Amino acid sequence: MIDAPKTIGVILAGGLARRMGGGDKPLQTVGGTTILDRVIRTLRPQCEELILNANGDPERFAWTALPVVPDDVPDFAGPLAGVLAALDWTAGHRPDVDWVVSVAADSPFLPPDFVVRLHQARIESAMPLAQAETNGQTYPVNALWKVSLRGDLRHALVEEGMRKIDAWTARHGVVSVIWPADPVDPFFNANTPEDVAEAERLAGLLL
């Protein structure tokens, strides 16, 4: 394994949570704590600094003590807008950092080797982007991004109206990094109340 270069972590919590019936998915509780707290605890040791991408009143996340960075592309343009916000924040606040890693805020079982393995794969493949995969399913929201691509991403979002992550990453080249899904898929995400109940069950398997 390499020593991963300095990387800013962004937790993407900017969605509308329609399948959860509204509200903030990452504030649901799994294993006695919020999903967001579980994400923070796993990701913080892997990153130079963490930020939270969220829209609306940032005070609801004040307890995290993380910078809350909203989208600046209007009309809830999806996770790519959150990634762009993180790339712009990093360029403005941490110009010494060339990489941003993003994770879904509703993923309670993220792996502790997430960042280093993404960097390892993009170096070995000579790709500028890397994303997670389990059981043949890719998770393009859980990915590594190059800050210098932010201008191209903004053009795609604002000028082209692009919303699909795969369409944009395919332009630049992205490598998928495979994690085992046993006993728990590390990229399981809790989109519905039923998913939260399943996450509670899965959390018990990890005790």
N, C-alpha and C. Protein backbone atom coordinates (compact mmCIF):
# COMPACT_ATOMS: atom_id res chain seq x y z
N MET A 1 0.83 -1.20 0.00
CA MET A 1 0.00 0.00 0.00
C MET A 1 0.88 1.26 0.00
N ILE A 2 0.42 2.26 -0.71
CA ILE A 2 1.11 3.55 -0.73
C ILE A 2 0.68 4.37 0.48
N ASP A 3 1.43 5.44 0.73
CA ASP A 3 0.94 6.47 1.64
C ASP A 3 0.12 7.43 0.79
N ALA A 4 -1.17 7.54 1.07
CA ALA A 4 -2.05 8.36 0.25
C ALA A 4 -1.67 9.83 0.36
N PRO A 5 -1.68 10.57 -0.75
CA PRO A 5 -1.45 12.00 -0.68
C PRO A 5 -2.56 12.71 0.08
N LYS A 6 -2.29 13.92 0.48
CA LYS A 6 -3.30 14.69 1.21
C LYS A 6 -4.60 14.75 0.42
N THR A 7 -5.69 14.46 1.11
CA THR A 7 -6.99 14.34 0.46
C THR A 7 -8.05 14.96 1.37
N ILE A 8 -8.87 15.82 0.79
CA ILE A 8 -10.02 16.37 1.51
C ILE A 8 -11.20 15.42 1.36
N GLY A 9 -11.85 15.10 2.44
CA GLY A 9 -13.04 14.25 2.39
C GLY A 9 -14.30 15.08 2.41
N VAL A 10 -15.21 14.80 1.49
CA VAL A 10 -16.51 15.46 1.50
C VAL A 10 -17.60 14.41 1.69
N ILE A 11 -18.45 14.67 2.66
CA ILE A 11 -19.60 13.82 2.94
C ILE A 11 -20.80 14.45 2.24
N LEU A 12 -21.36 13.73 1.28
CA LEU A 12 -22.42 14.29 0.44
C LEU A 12 -23.78 14.05 1.09
N ALA A 13 -24.35 15.13 1.61
CA ALA A 13 -25.65 15.06 2.30
C ALA A 13 -26.63 16.06 1.69
N GLY A 14 -26.47 16.33 0.41
CA GLY A 14 -27.27 17.37 -0.22
C GLY A 14 -28.55 16.90 -0.88
N GLY A 15 -28.86 15.60 -0.77
CA GLY A 15 -30.04 15.07 -1.46
C GLY A 15 -31.35 15.47 -0.79
N LEU A 16 -32.44 15.15 -1.48
CA LEU A 16 -33.77 15.53 -1.00
C LEU A 16 -34.43 14.46 -0.14
N ALA A 17 -33.84 13.26 -0.08
CA ALA A 17 -34.33 12.17 0.78
C ALA A 17 -35.79 11.84 0.52
N ARG A 18 -36.20 11.84 -0.74
CA ARG A 18 -37.62 11.56 -1.07
C ARG A 18 -38.03 10.16 -0.61
N ARG A 19 -37.14 9.17 -0.81
CA ARG A 19 -37.49 7.80 -0.45
C ARG A 19 -37.54 7.59 1.05
N MET A 20 -36.91 8.51 1.81
CA MET A 20 -36.97 8.43 3.26
C MET A 20 -38.16 9.21 3.79
N GLY A 21 -38.89 9.87 2.91
CA GLY A 21 -40.03 10.68 3.33
C GLY A 21 -39.63 12.08 3.76
N GLY A 22 -38.49 12.56 3.25
CA GLY A 22 -38.00 13.88 3.64
C GLY A 22 -37.08 13.79 4.85
N GLY A 23 -36.53 14.92 5.25
CA GLY A 23 -35.59 14.92 6.37
C GLY A 23 -34.21 14.52 5.92
N ASP A 24 -33.31 14.40 6.87
CA ASP A 24 -31.92 14.09 6.57
C ASP A 24 -31.64 12.62 6.82
N LYS A 25 -31.37 11.88 5.76
CA LYS A 25 -31.06 10.45 5.89
C LYS A 25 -29.90 10.18 6.85
N PRO A 26 -28.81 10.96 6.76
CA PRO A 26 -27.68 10.62 7.63
C PRO A 26 -27.92 10.85 9.11
N LEU A 27 -29.04 11.48 9.47
CA LEU A 27 -29.35 11.66 10.88
C LEU A 27 -30.17 10.52 11.45
N GLN A 28 -30.49 9.52 10.60
CA GLN A 28 -31.09 8.29 11.11
C GLN A 28 -30.08 7.55 11.98
N THR A 29 -30.58 6.77 12.92
CA THR A 29 -29.71 6.09 13.88
C THR A 29 -29.51 4.62 13.50
N VAL A 30 -28.26 4.19 13.54
CA VAL A 30 -27.90 2.79 13.31
C VAL A 30 -26.87 2.40 14.36
N GLY A 31 -27.12 1.33 15.07
CA GLY A 31 -26.15 0.87 16.06
C GLY A 31 -25.92 1.86 17.19
N GLY A 32 -26.96 2.61 17.53
CA GLY A 32 -26.87 3.52 18.67
C GLY A 32 -26.29 4.89 18.38
N THR A 33 -25.98 5.17 17.11
CA THR A 33 -25.47 6.49 16.76
C THR A 33 -25.96 6.86 15.36
N THR A 34 -25.84 8.12 14.99
CA THR A 34 -26.33 8.51 13.67
C THR A 34 -25.43 7.93 12.58
N ILE A 35 -26.03 7.73 11.41
CA ILE A 35 -25.23 7.27 10.28
C ILE A 35 -24.13 8.28 9.98
N LEU A 36 -24.44 9.56 10.08
CA LEU A 36 -23.44 10.59 9.81
C LEU A 36 -22.26 10.48 10.75
N ASP A 37 -22.53 10.23 12.01
CA ASP A 37 -21.43 10.08 12.97
C ASP A 37 -20.57 8.87 12.62
N ARG A 38 -21.19 7.81 12.18
CA ARG A 38 -20.43 6.62 11.76
C ARG A 38 -19.53 6.95 10.57
N VAL A 39 -20.07 7.71 9.62
CA VAL A 39 -19.29 8.09 8.44
C VAL A 39 -18.10 8.95 8.86
N ILE A 40 -18.34 9.94 9.72
CA ILE A 40 -17.27 10.83 10.17
C ILE A 40 -16.17 10.05 10.87
N ARG A 41 -16.55 9.14 11.75
CA ARG A 41 -15.55 8.40 12.52
C ARG A 41 -14.67 7.53 11.63
N THR A 42 -15.24 6.98 10.55
CA THR A 42 -14.46 6.15 9.64
C THR A 42 -13.60 6.98 8.70
N LEU A 43 -14.14 8.07 8.20
CA LEU A 43 -13.45 8.84 7.16
C LEU A 43 -12.40 9.80 7.72
N ARG A 44 -12.65 10.34 8.92
CA ARG A 44 -11.74 11.36 9.44
C ARG A 44 -10.27 10.91 9.49
N PRO A 45 -9.96 9.70 9.98
CA PRO A 45 -8.55 9.30 10.05
C PRO A 45 -7.90 9.13 8.67
N GLN A 46 -8.71 9.04 7.63
CA GLN A 46 -8.19 8.80 6.29
C GLN A 46 -7.93 10.07 5.50
N CYS A 47 -8.35 11.22 6.03
CA CYS A 47 -8.34 12.46 5.26
C CYS A 47 -7.59 13.58 5.97
N GLU A 48 -7.12 14.50 5.20
CA GLU A 48 -6.48 15.70 5.72
C GLU A 48 -7.48 16.55 6.49
N GLU A 49 -8.69 16.63 5.97
CA GLU A 49 -9.75 17.45 6.56
C GLU A 49 -11.08 16.96 5.99
N LEU A 50 -12.15 17.13 6.76
CA LEU A 50 -13.49 16.76 6.30
C LEU A 50 -14.35 17.99 6.13
N ILE A 51 -15.22 17.96 5.11
CA ILE A 51 -16.26 18.96 4.95
C ILE A 51 -17.57 18.22 4.68
N LEU A 52 -18.66 18.94 4.85
CA LEU A 52 -20.00 18.36 4.65
C LEU A 52 -20.72 19.16 3.58
N ASN A 53 -21.14 18.49 2.53
CA ASN A 53 -21.95 19.14 1.50
C ASN A 53 -23.42 18.96 1.85
N ALA A 54 -24.09 20.06 2.15
CA ALA A 54 -25.50 20.02 2.52
C ALA A 54 -26.14 21.35 2.15
N ASN A 55 -27.41 21.28 1.80
CA ASN A 55 -28.19 22.47 1.47
C ASN A 55 -29.19 22.75 2.58
N GLY A 56 -29.74 23.95 2.59
CA GLY A 56 -30.66 24.33 3.66
C GLY A 56 -29.92 24.88 4.86
N ASP A 57 -30.57 24.86 6.01
CA ASP A 57 -30.02 25.45 7.23
C ASP A 57 -28.82 24.63 7.72
N PRO A 58 -27.61 25.21 7.71
CA PRO A 58 -26.44 24.44 8.14
C PRO A 58 -26.41 24.17 9.64
N GLU A 59 -27.24 24.88 10.41
CA GLU A 59 -27.19 24.72 11.87
C GLU A 59 -27.57 23.32 12.32
N ARG A 60 -28.33 22.60 11.51
CA ARG A 60 -28.72 21.25 11.92
C ARG A 60 -27.53 20.30 11.96
N PHE A 61 -26.40 20.73 11.37
CA PHE A 61 -25.19 19.93 11.41
C PHE A 61 -24.11 20.57 12.27
N ALA A 62 -24.48 21.56 13.07
CA ALA A 62 -23.48 22.28 13.86
C ALA A 62 -22.73 21.35 14.81
N TRP A 63 -23.41 20.30 15.29
CA TRP A 63 -22.78 19.39 16.24
C TRP A 63 -21.57 18.67 15.65
N THR A 64 -21.46 18.60 14.31
CA THR A 64 -20.32 17.92 13.70
C THR A 64 -19.05 18.77 13.72
N ALA A 65 -19.21 20.09 13.86
CA ALA A 65 -18.09 21.04 13.80
C ALA A 65 -17.37 21.00 12.45
N LEU A 66 -18.05 20.50 11.42
CA LEU A 66 -17.46 20.47 10.08
C LEU A 66 -17.90 21.68 9.28
N PRO A 67 -17.06 22.20 8.38
CA PRO A 67 -17.52 23.22 7.44
C PRO A 67 -18.67 22.65 6.60
N VAL A 68 -19.76 23.39 6.50
CA VAL A 68 -20.91 22.96 5.69
C VAL A 68 -20.88 23.77 4.39
N VAL A 69 -20.75 23.07 3.28
CA VAL A 69 -20.57 23.69 1.98
C VAL A 69 -21.78 23.36 1.12
N PRO A 70 -22.63 24.35 0.77
CA PRO A 70 -23.79 24.07 -0.05
C PRO A 70 -23.45 24.02 -1.54
N ASP A 71 -24.37 23.46 -2.32
CA ASP A 71 -24.24 23.54 -3.77
C ASP A 71 -24.33 24.99 -4.21
N ASP A 72 -23.62 25.33 -5.29
CA ASP A 72 -23.88 26.64 -5.89
C ASP A 72 -24.43 26.52 -7.30
N VAL A 73 -24.73 25.28 -7.71
CA VAL A 73 -25.48 25.04 -8.95
C VAL A 73 -26.95 24.90 -8.54
N PRO A 74 -27.86 25.68 -9.13
CA PRO A 74 -29.24 25.70 -8.64
C PRO A 74 -30.03 24.43 -8.98
N ASP A 75 -31.19 24.33 -8.34
CA ASP A 75 -32.21 23.32 -8.65
C ASP A 75 -31.79 21.90 -8.31
N PHE A 76 -31.05 21.73 -7.22
CA PHE A 76 -30.68 20.40 -6.75
C PHE A 76 -30.16 19.55 -7.91
N ALA A 77 -28.98 19.90 -8.38
CA ALA A 77 -28.41 19.27 -9.57
C ALA A 77 -27.80 17.91 -9.30
N GLY A 78 -27.99 17.38 -8.09
CA GLY A 78 -27.53 16.03 -7.81
C GLY A 78 -26.14 15.98 -7.22
N PRO A 79 -25.61 14.77 -7.05
CA PRO A 79 -24.33 14.62 -6.35
C PRO A 79 -23.15 15.28 -7.07
N LEU A 80 -23.21 15.40 -8.39
CA LEU A 80 -22.11 16.08 -9.08
C LEU A 80 -21.97 17.53 -8.60
N ALA A 81 -23.10 18.16 -8.27
CA ALA A 81 -23.04 19.54 -7.75
C ALA A 81 -22.35 19.56 -6.40
N GLY A 82 -22.57 18.54 -5.59
CA GLY A 82 -21.89 18.46 -4.30
C GLY A 82 -20.40 18.23 -4.47
N VAL A 83 -20.04 17.40 -5.44
CA VAL A 83 -18.62 17.19 -5.73
C VAL A 83 -17.98 18.49 -6.19
N LEU A 84 -18.65 19.21 -7.08
CA LEU A 84 -18.11 20.48 -7.55
C LEU A 84 -17.93 21.46 -6.39
N ALA A 85 -18.90 21.54 -5.50
CA ALA A 85 -18.78 22.43 -4.35
C ALA A 85 -17.55 22.07 -3.52
N ALA A 86 -17.28 20.78 -3.38
CA ALA A 86 -16.11 20.34 -2.61
C ALA A 86 -14.80 20.66 -3.33
N LEU A 87 -14.79 20.48 -4.63
CA LEU A 87 -13.58 20.81 -5.40
C LEU A 87 -13.29 22.30 -5.32
N ASP A 88 -14.33 23.12 -5.45
CA ASP A 88 -14.16 24.57 -5.36
C ASP A 88 -13.70 24.98 -3.95
N TRP A 89 -14.30 24.38 -2.92
CA TRP A 89 -13.90 24.70 -1.55
C TRP A 89 -12.43 24.35 -1.33
N THR A 90 -12.03 23.20 -1.82
CA THR A 90 -10.64 22.77 -1.64
C THR A 90 -9.68 23.71 -2.36
N ALA A 91 -10.01 24.11 -3.57
CA ALA A 91 -9.16 25.03 -4.32
C ALA A 91 -9.02 26.37 -3.59
N GLY A 92 -10.11 26.81 -2.95
CA GLY A 92 -10.09 28.09 -2.28
C GLY A 92 -9.48 28.06 -0.88
N HIS A 93 -9.72 26.97 -0.14
CA HIS A 93 -9.30 26.90 1.25
C HIS A 93 -8.05 26.05 1.49
N ARG A 94 -7.82 25.07 0.61
CA ARG A 94 -6.67 24.18 0.77
C ARG A 94 -5.97 24.00 -0.58
N PRO A 95 -5.36 25.07 -1.09
CA PRO A 95 -4.70 24.98 -2.40
C PRO A 95 -3.52 24.01 -2.40
N ASP A 96 -3.10 23.56 -1.23
CA ASP A 96 -2.02 22.58 -1.14
C ASP A 96 -2.50 21.16 -1.37
N VAL A 97 -3.81 20.97 -1.53
CA VAL A 97 -4.39 19.63 -1.68
C VAL A 97 -4.93 19.47 -3.11
N ASP A 98 -4.56 18.37 -3.75
CA ASP A 98 -4.94 18.12 -5.14
C ASP A 98 -6.08 17.14 -5.29
N TRP A 99 -6.54 16.53 -4.19
CA TRP A 99 -7.51 15.44 -4.29
C TRP A 99 -8.65 15.62 -3.30
N VAL A 100 -9.83 15.20 -3.76
CA VAL A 100 -11.02 15.16 -2.91
C VAL A 100 -11.62 13.76 -3.02
N VAL A 101 -12.00 13.20 -1.89
CA VAL A 101 -12.72 11.94 -1.89
C VAL A 101 -14.13 12.21 -1.39
N SER A 102 -15.11 11.64 -2.08
CA SER A 102 -16.51 11.84 -1.70
C SER A 102 -17.12 10.53 -1.23
N VAL A 103 -18.02 10.65 -0.25
CA VAL A 103 -18.77 9.49 0.21
C VAL A 103 -20.23 9.90 0.41
N ALA A 104 -21.11 8.94 0.24
CA ALA A 104 -22.52 9.18 0.51
C ALA A 104 -22.73 9.24 2.01
N ALA A 105 -23.48 10.24 2.45
CA ALA A 105 -23.69 10.45 3.89
C ALA A 105 -24.59 9.40 4.51
N ASP A 106 -25.22 8.56 3.68
CA ASP A 106 -26.14 7.55 4.22
C ASP A 106 -25.53 6.15 4.14
N SER A 107 -24.19 6.07 4.15
CA SER A 107 -23.49 4.78 4.07
C SER A 107 -22.83 4.48 5.41
N PRO A 108 -23.44 3.66 6.24
CA PRO A 108 -22.94 3.47 7.61
C PRO A 108 -21.76 2.53 7.76
N PHE A 109 -21.34 1.84 6.69
CA PHE A 109 -20.34 0.78 6.84
C PHE A 109 -19.09 1.02 5.98
N LEU A 110 -18.70 2.24 5.78
CA LEU A 110 -17.57 2.56 4.91
C LEU A 110 -16.29 1.85 5.38
N PRO A 111 -15.42 1.46 4.45
CA PRO A 111 -14.21 0.71 4.83
C PRO A 111 -13.10 1.64 5.33
N PRO A 112 -12.28 1.15 6.23
CA PRO A 112 -11.19 1.97 6.77
C PRO A 112 -10.03 2.17 5.81
N ASP A 113 -9.99 1.41 4.71
CA ASP A 113 -8.93 1.56 3.71
C ASP A 113 -9.44 2.23 2.44
N PHE A 114 -10.52 2.96 2.56
CA PHE A 114 -11.20 3.53 1.39
C PHE A 114 -10.28 4.46 0.60
N VAL A 115 -9.70 5.44 1.25
CA VAL A 115 -8.94 6.47 0.53
C VAL A 115 -7.65 5.90 -0.05
N VAL A 116 -6.93 5.14 0.72
CA VAL A 116 -5.64 4.64 0.25
C VAL A 116 -5.81 3.68 -0.93
N ARG A 117 -6.85 2.88 -0.94
CA ARG A 117 -7.05 1.95 -2.04
C ARG A 117 -7.48 2.67 -3.31
N LEU A 118 -8.28 3.73 -3.18
CA LEU A 118 -8.63 4.51 -4.37
C LEU A 118 -7.39 5.15 -4.98
N HIS A 119 -6.53 5.72 -4.14
CA HIS A 119 -5.30 6.31 -4.66
C HIS A 119 -4.41 5.25 -5.31
N GLN A 120 -4.29 4.09 -4.66
CA GLN A 120 -3.47 3.02 -5.22
C GLN A 120 -3.95 2.65 -6.62
N ALA A 121 -5.25 2.52 -6.77
CA ALA A 121 -5.80 2.10 -8.06
C ALA A 121 -5.62 3.16 -9.13
N ARG A 122 -5.82 4.41 -8.79
CA ARG A 122 -5.69 5.43 -9.84
C ARG A 122 -4.23 5.60 -10.26
N ILE A 123 -3.29 5.38 -9.33
CA ILE A 123 -1.87 5.44 -9.70
C ILE A 123 -1.53 4.27 -10.62
N GLU A 124 -1.95 3.07 -10.24
CA GLU A 124 -1.62 1.88 -11.03
C GLU A 124 -2.27 1.90 -12.40
N SER A 125 -3.45 2.50 -12.50
CA SER A 125 -4.18 2.53 -13.77
C SER A 125 -3.90 3.78 -14.59
N ALA A 126 -3.21 4.76 -13.99
CA ALA A 126 -2.96 6.06 -14.63
C ALA A 126 -4.27 6.76 -14.99
N MET A 127 -5.29 6.54 -14.19
CA MET A 127 -6.58 7.22 -14.36
C MET A 127 -6.65 8.39 -13.38
N PRO A 128 -7.35 9.48 -13.74
CA PRO A 128 -7.48 10.61 -12.82
C PRO A 128 -8.59 10.45 -11.79
N LEU A 129 -9.44 9.43 -11.97
CA LEU A 129 -10.60 9.24 -11.10
C LEU A 129 -10.68 7.77 -10.68
N ALA A 130 -11.24 7.54 -9.48
CA ALA A 130 -11.43 6.16 -9.00
C ALA A 130 -12.74 6.09 -8.24
N GLN A 131 -13.42 4.95 -8.34
CA GLN A 131 -14.71 4.77 -7.67
C GLN A 131 -14.78 3.38 -7.05
N ALA A 132 -15.70 3.25 -6.11
CA ALA A 132 -15.87 1.98 -5.39
C ALA A 132 -16.77 1.03 -6.16
N GLU A 133 -16.57 -0.27 -5.90
CA GLU A 133 -17.39 -1.31 -6.51
C GLU A 133 -17.48 -2.50 -5.56
N THR A 134 -18.67 -3.11 -5.47
CA THR A 134 -18.86 -4.39 -4.81
C THR A 134 -19.86 -5.21 -5.61
N ASN A 135 -19.61 -6.50 -5.69
CA ASN A 135 -20.55 -7.42 -6.35
C ASN A 135 -20.99 -6.94 -7.74
N GLY A 136 -20.07 -6.37 -8.48
CA GLY A 136 -20.38 -5.93 -9.83
C GLY A 136 -21.14 -4.62 -9.91
N GLN A 137 -21.43 -4.00 -8.78
CA GLN A 137 -22.13 -2.71 -8.77
C GLN A 137 -21.16 -1.60 -8.41
N THR A 138 -21.10 -0.59 -9.25
CA THR A 138 -20.24 0.56 -8.95
C THR A 138 -21.00 1.58 -8.11
N TYR A 139 -20.25 2.32 -7.33
CA TYR A 139 -20.80 3.37 -6.47
C TYR A 139 -20.09 4.69 -6.82
N PRO A 140 -20.53 5.35 -7.89
CA PRO A 140 -19.81 6.53 -8.38
C PRO A 140 -19.84 7.73 -7.43
N VAL A 141 -20.73 7.70 -6.43
CA VAL A 141 -20.72 8.77 -5.43
C VAL A 141 -19.56 8.59 -4.46
N ASN A 142 -19.16 7.35 -4.25
CA ASN A 142 -18.04 7.04 -3.35
C ASN A 142 -16.78 6.97 -4.20
N ALA A 143 -16.08 8.10 -4.34
CA ALA A 143 -15.08 8.19 -5.39
C ALA A 143 -14.00 9.22 -5.05
N LEU A 144 -12.95 9.16 -5.85
CA LEU A 144 -11.81 10.06 -5.73
C LEU A 144 -11.78 10.99 -6.94
N TRP A 145 -11.58 12.29 -6.66
CA TRP A 145 -11.68 13.32 -7.69
C TRP A 145 -10.44 14.20 -7.69
N LYS A 146 -10.04 14.64 -8.88
CA LYS A 146 -8.90 15.52 -9.03
C LYS A 146 -9.40 16.97 -9.04
N VAL A 147 -8.85 17.79 -8.15
CA VAL A 147 -9.33 19.16 -7.99
C VAL A 147 -9.19 19.95 -9.29
N SER A 148 -8.15 19.67 -10.07
CA SER A 148 -7.90 20.43 -11.29
C SER A 148 -8.97 20.22 -12.37
N LEU A 149 -9.84 19.24 -12.19
CA LEU A 149 -10.92 19.00 -13.15
C LEU A 149 -12.17 19.80 -12.84
N ARG A 150 -12.12 20.67 -11.86
CA ARG A 150 -13.34 21.37 -11.42
C ARG A 150 -13.89 22.28 -12.51
N GLY A 151 -13.04 22.89 -13.32
CA GLY A 151 -13.54 23.76 -14.39
C GLY A 151 -14.35 22.99 -15.41
N ASP A 152 -13.86 21.81 -15.77
CA ASP A 152 -14.58 20.98 -16.72
C ASP A 152 -15.90 20.49 -16.12
N LEU A 153 -15.87 20.16 -14.83
CA LEU A 153 -17.10 19.70 -14.18
C LEU A 153 -18.13 20.83 -14.13
N ARG A 154 -17.70 22.03 -13.82
CA ARG A 154 -18.65 23.15 -13.79
C ARG A 154 -19.26 23.37 -15.18
N HIS A 155 -18.45 23.29 -16.21
CA HIS A 155 -18.97 23.47 -17.56
C HIS A 155 -20.01 22.40 -17.87
N ALA A 156 -19.71 21.15 -17.50
CA ALA A 156 -20.65 20.06 -17.77
C ALA A 156 -21.98 20.27 -17.05
N LEU A 157 -21.91 20.73 -15.81
CA LEU A 157 -23.13 20.93 -15.02
C LEU A 157 -23.93 22.14 -15.49
N VAL A 158 -23.25 23.26 -15.68
CA VAL A 158 -23.94 24.53 -15.94
C VAL A 158 -24.28 24.70 -17.42
N GLU A 159 -23.32 24.40 -18.28
CA GLU A 159 -23.52 24.64 -19.72
C GLU A 159 -24.18 23.48 -20.43
N GLU A 160 -23.89 22.26 -19.99
CA GLU A 160 -24.43 21.08 -20.67
C GLU A 160 -25.62 20.47 -19.95
N GLY A 161 -25.84 20.88 -18.70
CA GLY A 161 -26.94 20.30 -17.93
C GLY A 161 -26.72 18.86 -17.55
N MET A 162 -25.47 18.43 -17.48
CA MET A 162 -25.16 17.04 -17.16
C MET A 162 -25.49 16.76 -15.69
N ARG A 163 -26.07 15.60 -15.44
CA ARG A 163 -26.41 15.22 -14.07
C ARG A 163 -25.89 13.83 -13.71
N LYS A 164 -25.62 13.00 -14.70
CA LYS A 164 -25.23 11.62 -14.44
C LYS A 164 -23.73 11.52 -14.22
N ILE A 165 -23.34 11.01 -13.05
CA ILE A 165 -21.92 10.93 -12.70
C ILE A 165 -21.16 10.11 -13.73
N ASP A 166 -21.69 8.96 -14.11
CA ASP A 166 -20.98 8.06 -15.01
C ASP A 166 -20.66 8.72 -16.34
N ALA A 167 -21.57 9.57 -16.81
CA ALA A 167 -21.35 10.22 -18.09
C ALA A 167 -20.14 11.15 -18.03
N TRP A 168 -19.97 11.83 -16.88
CA TRP A 168 -18.85 12.76 -16.77
C TRP A 168 -17.53 12.02 -16.50
N THR A 169 -17.55 11.04 -15.61
CA THR A 169 -16.30 10.34 -15.30
C THR A 169 -15.78 9.58 -16.51
N ALA A 170 -16.68 9.10 -17.37
CA ALA A 170 -16.25 8.36 -18.55
C ALA A 170 -15.43 9.23 -19.49
N ARG A 171 -15.66 10.52 -19.46
CA ARG A 171 -14.89 11.43 -20.32
C ARG A 171 -13.42 11.47 -19.95
N HIS A 172 -13.15 11.30 -18.66
CA HIS A 172 -11.79 11.50 -18.18
C HIS A 172 -11.06 10.20 -17.87
N GLY A 173 -11.81 9.16 -17.58
CA GLY A 173 -11.23 7.88 -17.22
C GLY A 173 -11.37 7.62 -15.74
N VAL A 174 -11.99 6.51 -15.41
CA VAL A 174 -12.22 6.17 -14.01
C VAL A 174 -11.95 4.68 -13.82
N VAL A 175 -11.26 4.34 -12.74
CA VAL A 175 -11.00 2.95 -12.40
C VAL A 175 -11.89 2.56 -11.23
N SER A 176 -12.42 1.34 -11.29
CA SER A 176 -13.25 0.83 -10.20
C SER A 176 -12.41 -0.04 -9.28
N VAL A 177 -12.60 0.16 -7.98
CA VAL A 177 -11.86 -0.57 -6.96
C VAL A 177 -12.84 -1.49 -6.23
N ILE A 178 -12.55 -2.78 -6.23
CA ILE A 178 -13.49 -3.78 -5.72
C ILE A 178 -13.21 -4.08 -4.25
N TRP A 179 -14.25 -3.95 -3.46
CA TRP A 179 -14.21 -4.38 -2.05
C TRP A 179 -15.09 -5.60 -1.88
N PRO A 180 -14.75 -6.49 -0.94
CA PRO A 180 -15.63 -7.62 -0.64
C PRO A 180 -16.92 -7.16 0.02
N ALA A 181 -17.99 -7.87 -0.24
CA ALA A 181 -19.29 -7.51 0.31
C ALA A 181 -19.71 -8.42 1.46
N ASP A 182 -18.79 -9.22 1.95
CA ASP A 182 -19.08 -10.15 3.04
C ASP A 182 -18.26 -9.76 4.27
N PRO A 183 -18.84 -9.68 5.46
CA PRO A 183 -20.24 -10.00 5.78
C PRO A 183 -21.22 -8.87 5.48
N VAL A 184 -20.69 -7.66 5.23
CA VAL A 184 -21.56 -6.50 4.96
C VAL A 184 -20.98 -5.72 3.80
N ASP A 185 -21.84 -5.31 2.88
CA ASP A 185 -21.40 -4.44 1.79
C ASP A 185 -20.98 -3.10 2.39
N PRO A 186 -19.71 -2.69 2.24
CA PRO A 186 -19.27 -1.45 2.86
C PRO A 186 -19.91 -0.20 2.28
N PHE A 187 -20.59 -0.35 1.12
CA PHE A 187 -21.21 0.81 0.49
C PHE A 187 -22.74 0.71 0.49
N PHE A 188 -23.25 -0.18 1.33
CA PHE A 188 -24.70 -0.22 1.57
C PHE A 188 -25.17 1.17 1.97
N ASN A 189 -26.25 1.64 1.33
CA ASN A 189 -26.76 2.96 1.71
C ASN A 189 -28.23 2.88 2.11
N ALA A 190 -28.56 3.68 3.10
CA ALA A 190 -29.89 3.64 3.71
C ALA A 190 -30.77 4.71 3.10
N ASN A 191 -31.49 4.32 2.04
CA ASN A 191 -32.34 5.26 1.32
C ASN A 191 -33.78 5.30 1.82
N THR A 192 -34.22 4.23 2.47
CA THR A 192 -35.61 4.10 2.88
C THR A 192 -35.67 3.68 4.35
N PRO A 193 -36.82 3.81 4.99
CA PRO A 193 -36.94 3.29 6.35
C PRO A 193 -36.62 1.80 6.44
N GLU A 194 -36.96 1.05 5.39
CA GLU A 194 -36.64 -0.38 5.39
C GLU A 194 -35.13 -0.60 5.34
N ASP A 195 -34.44 0.27 4.61
CA ASP A 195 -32.97 0.18 4.55
C ASP A 195 -32.35 0.46 5.92
N VAL A 196 -32.91 1.41 6.64
CA VAL A 196 -32.39 1.72 7.97
C VAL A 196 -32.55 0.51 8.89
N ALA A 197 -33.70 -0.16 8.79
CA ALA A 197 -33.92 -1.36 9.60
C ALA A 197 -32.93 -2.45 9.22
N GLU A 198 -32.65 -2.59 7.92
CA GLU A 198 -31.68 -3.58 7.47
C GLU A 198 -30.27 -3.20 7.94
N ALA A 199 -29.95 -1.92 7.93
CA ALA A 199 -28.64 -1.47 8.43
C ALA A 199 -28.47 -1.79 9.90
N GLU A 200 -29.54 -1.66 10.65
CA GLU A 200 -29.49 -2.00 12.08
C GLU A 200 -29.17 -3.48 12.25
N ARG A 201 -29.79 -4.31 11.40
CA ARG A 201 -29.51 -5.75 11.47
C ARG A 201 -28.06 -6.03 11.09
N LEU A 202 -27.59 -5.40 10.01
CA LEU A 202 -26.22 -5.63 9.54
C LEU A 202 -25.20 -5.15 10.57
N ALA A 203 -25.51 -4.05 11.24
CA ALA A 203 -24.58 -3.54 12.26
C ALA A 203 -24.34 -4.59 13.34
N GLY A 204 -25.37 -5.38 13.63
CA GLY A 204 -25.22 -6.43 14.61
C GLY A 204 -24.25 -7.52 14.18
N LEU A 205 -24.08 -7.71 12.86
CA LEU A 205 -23.15 -8.72 12.36
C LEU A 205 -21.70 -8.29 12.56
N LEU A 206 -21.48 -7.00 12.74
CA LEU A 206 -20.12 -6.47 12.85
C LEU A 206 -19.65 -6.37 14.28
N LEU A 207 -20.53 -6.66 15.23
CA LEU A 207 -20.15 -6.57 16.65
C LEU A 207 -19.18 -7.70 17.03
